[in-house]
């Protein structure tokens, strides 16, 4: 049986969305068409993959209108949540400032170019009892 699955991001501006995810360490590995304005871009970050496709795709391919509001949430692990939020602050809206969660992660939320929430997370360094 074939293995693999990945999310598809519906983007109103493919190049802007690709540039945003590149800031989080994703790299483009496939573009269609190969030259000119892309209609689809495949991206990778380690073993994780995602596709970025023009927002017209749902209507053209299976007759469904693109929803409004957040259409998905991306969850991305980073080395330093605060540093990434600081770096992205000028180009992406910060939806929630970094905060420590009771389950042991530090998390913040930023918006991608289509205002979908992107969680940035890192494990909290636990203090050992004295």
Protein backbone atom coordinates (compact mmCIF):
# COMPACT_ATOMS: atom_id res chain seq x y z
CA UNK A 1 0.00 0.00 0.00
CA UNK A 2 1.37 3.47 -0.85
CA UNK A 3 2.45 5.53 2.14
CA UNK A 4 2.26 9.25 2.72
CA UNK A 5 -0.21 12.03 3.25
CA UNK A 6 0.16 15.79 3.35
CA UNK A 7 -2.03 18.89 3.73
CA UNK A 8 -2.84 21.21 0.86
CA UNK A 9 -2.91 24.94 1.60
CA UNK A 10 -5.38 26.93 -0.53
CA UNK A 11 -3.57 30.22 -1.24
CA UNK A 12 -4.87 33.44 -2.73
CA UNK A 13 -1.23 34.34 -3.44
CA UNK A 14 0.91 31.23 -3.97
CA UNK A 15 4.25 33.06 -4.01
CA UNK A 16 3.48 34.92 -0.75
CA UNK A 17 2.36 31.71 0.95
CA UNK A 18 5.46 29.83 -0.23
CA UNK A 19 7.67 32.67 1.05
CA UNK A 20 5.92 32.53 4.44
CA UNK A 21 6.48 28.80 4.86
CA UNK A 22 10.09 29.17 3.69
CA UNK A 23 10.59 31.41 6.75
CA UNK A 24 9.59 28.38 8.85
CA UNK A 25 12.17 26.12 7.20
CA UNK A 26 10.11 24.58 4.39
CA UNK A 27 11.82 24.26 1.01
CA UNK A 28 10.14 24.07 -2.38
CA UNK A 29 10.88 20.84 -4.24
CA UNK A 30 8.25 20.87 -7.00
CA UNK A 31 6.39 23.52 -8.97
CA UNK A 32 3.68 23.16 -11.61
CA UNK A 33 3.90 24.50 -14.17
CA UNK A 34 7.69 24.34 -13.98
CA UNK A 35 8.07 27.87 -15.38
CA UNK A 36 6.02 30.99 -14.89
CA UNK A 37 3.35 31.64 -12.30
CA UNK A 38 2.88 28.51 -10.17
CA UNK A 39 -0.49 26.84 -9.75
CA UNK A 40 0.97 24.35 -7.25
CA UNK A 41 4.14 24.18 -5.17
CA UNK A 42 5.27 21.14 -3.18
CA UNK A 43 7.26 21.95 -0.03
CA UNK A 44 9.27 19.91 2.49
CA UNK A 45 10.67 20.40 5.97
CA UNK A 46 12.46 17.24 7.03
CA UNK A 47 9.95 14.41 6.61
CA UNK A 48 6.96 16.81 6.63
CA UNK A 49 5.43 17.92 3.34
CA UNK A 50 2.73 20.35 2.32
CA UNK A 51 1.30 21.51 -0.96
CA UNK A 52 0.38 25.09 -1.81
CA UNK A 53 -2.28 25.42 -4.51
CA UNK A 54 -4.24 28.32 -5.94
CA UNK A 55 -7.41 29.10 -3.97
CA UNK A 56 -9.51 28.41 -7.08
CA UNK A 57 -8.68 24.68 -6.85
CA UNK A 58 -11.71 23.51 -4.78
CA UNK A 59 -14.23 25.18 -7.12
CA UNK A 60 -12.45 24.01 -10.28
CA UNK A 61 -11.77 20.42 -9.21
CA UNK A 62 -14.78 19.39 -7.14
CA UNK A 63 -17.29 22.23 -7.25
CA UNK A 64 -16.91 23.43 -3.66
CA UNK A 65 -16.49 27.09 -2.79
CA UNK A 66 -13.49 28.10 -0.71
CA UNK A 67 -14.60 28.66 2.87
CA UNK A 68 -14.09 31.90 4.74
CA UNK A 69 -12.13 32.24 7.93
CA UNK A 70 -9.47 29.75 8.96
CA UNK A 71 -9.48 26.74 6.66
CA UNK A 72 -6.88 24.77 8.61
CA UNK A 73 -4.30 25.10 11.38
CA UNK A 74 -0.65 24.26 10.72
CA UNK A 75 1.40 23.10 13.73
CA UNK A 76 5.15 23.65 13.32
CA UNK A 77 7.87 22.76 15.81
CA UNK A 78 10.68 25.33 16.02
CA UNK A 79 13.83 25.64 18.14
CA UNK A 80 12.86 28.94 19.79
CA UNK A 81 9.25 30.15 19.69
CA UNK A 82 10.07 33.67 20.89
CA UNK A 83 12.82 34.16 18.29
CA UNK A 84 10.59 32.99 15.42
CA UNK A 85 7.72 35.24 16.54
CA UNK A 86 10.11 38.19 16.73
CA UNK A 87 11.40 37.43 13.23
CA UNK A 88 7.91 37.00 11.72
CA UNK A 89 6.26 39.90 13.55
CA UNK A 90 6.91 42.38 10.71
CA UNK A 91 5.51 40.12 7.97
CA UNK A 92 2.81 38.06 9.72
CA UNK A 93 0.12 38.94 12.25
CA UNK A 94 0.76 37.53 15.72
CA UNK A 95 -2.52 35.90 16.75
CA UNK A 96 -1.31 34.82 20.20
CA UNK A 97 1.89 35.78 21.94
CA UNK A 98 4.23 32.99 23.17
CA UNK A 99 3.00 31.25 26.32
CA UNK A 100 3.91 28.14 28.27
CA UNK A 101 1.26 25.41 28.11
CA UNK A 102 0.54 22.99 30.96
CA UNK A 103 1.39 19.99 28.75
CA UNK A 104 5.01 21.12 28.46
CA UNK A 105 5.25 23.19 25.30
CA UNK A 106 5.72 26.89 24.61
CA UNK A 107 3.30 27.95 21.88
CA UNK A 108 2.47 31.06 19.87
CA UNK A 109 0.18 31.58 16.90
CA UNK A 110 0.81 33.64 13.77
CA UNK A 111 -1.32 34.05 10.66
CA UNK A 112 -0.17 32.91 7.23
CA UNK A 113 -0.86 35.20 4.21
CA UNK A 114 -4.48 33.95 4.06
CA UNK A 115 -4.88 34.38 7.84
CA UNK A 116 -4.87 30.66 8.63
CA UNK A 117 -3.46 30.06 12.11
CA UNK A 118 0.04 28.61 12.36
CA UNK A 119 1.05 27.29 15.77
CA UNK A 120 4.74 27.60 16.58
CA UNK A 121 5.78 25.22 19.34
CA UNK A 122 8.84 24.08 21.26
CA UNK A 123 9.23 21.86 24.32
CA UNK A 124 9.70 23.73 27.58
CA UNK A 125 13.01 22.98 29.26
CA UNK A 126 11.95 21.41 32.51
CA UNK A 127 13.69 22.50 35.71
CA UNK A 128 14.85 19.59 37.78
CA UNK A 129 13.98 19.73 41.49
CA UNK A 130 16.85 20.94 43.56
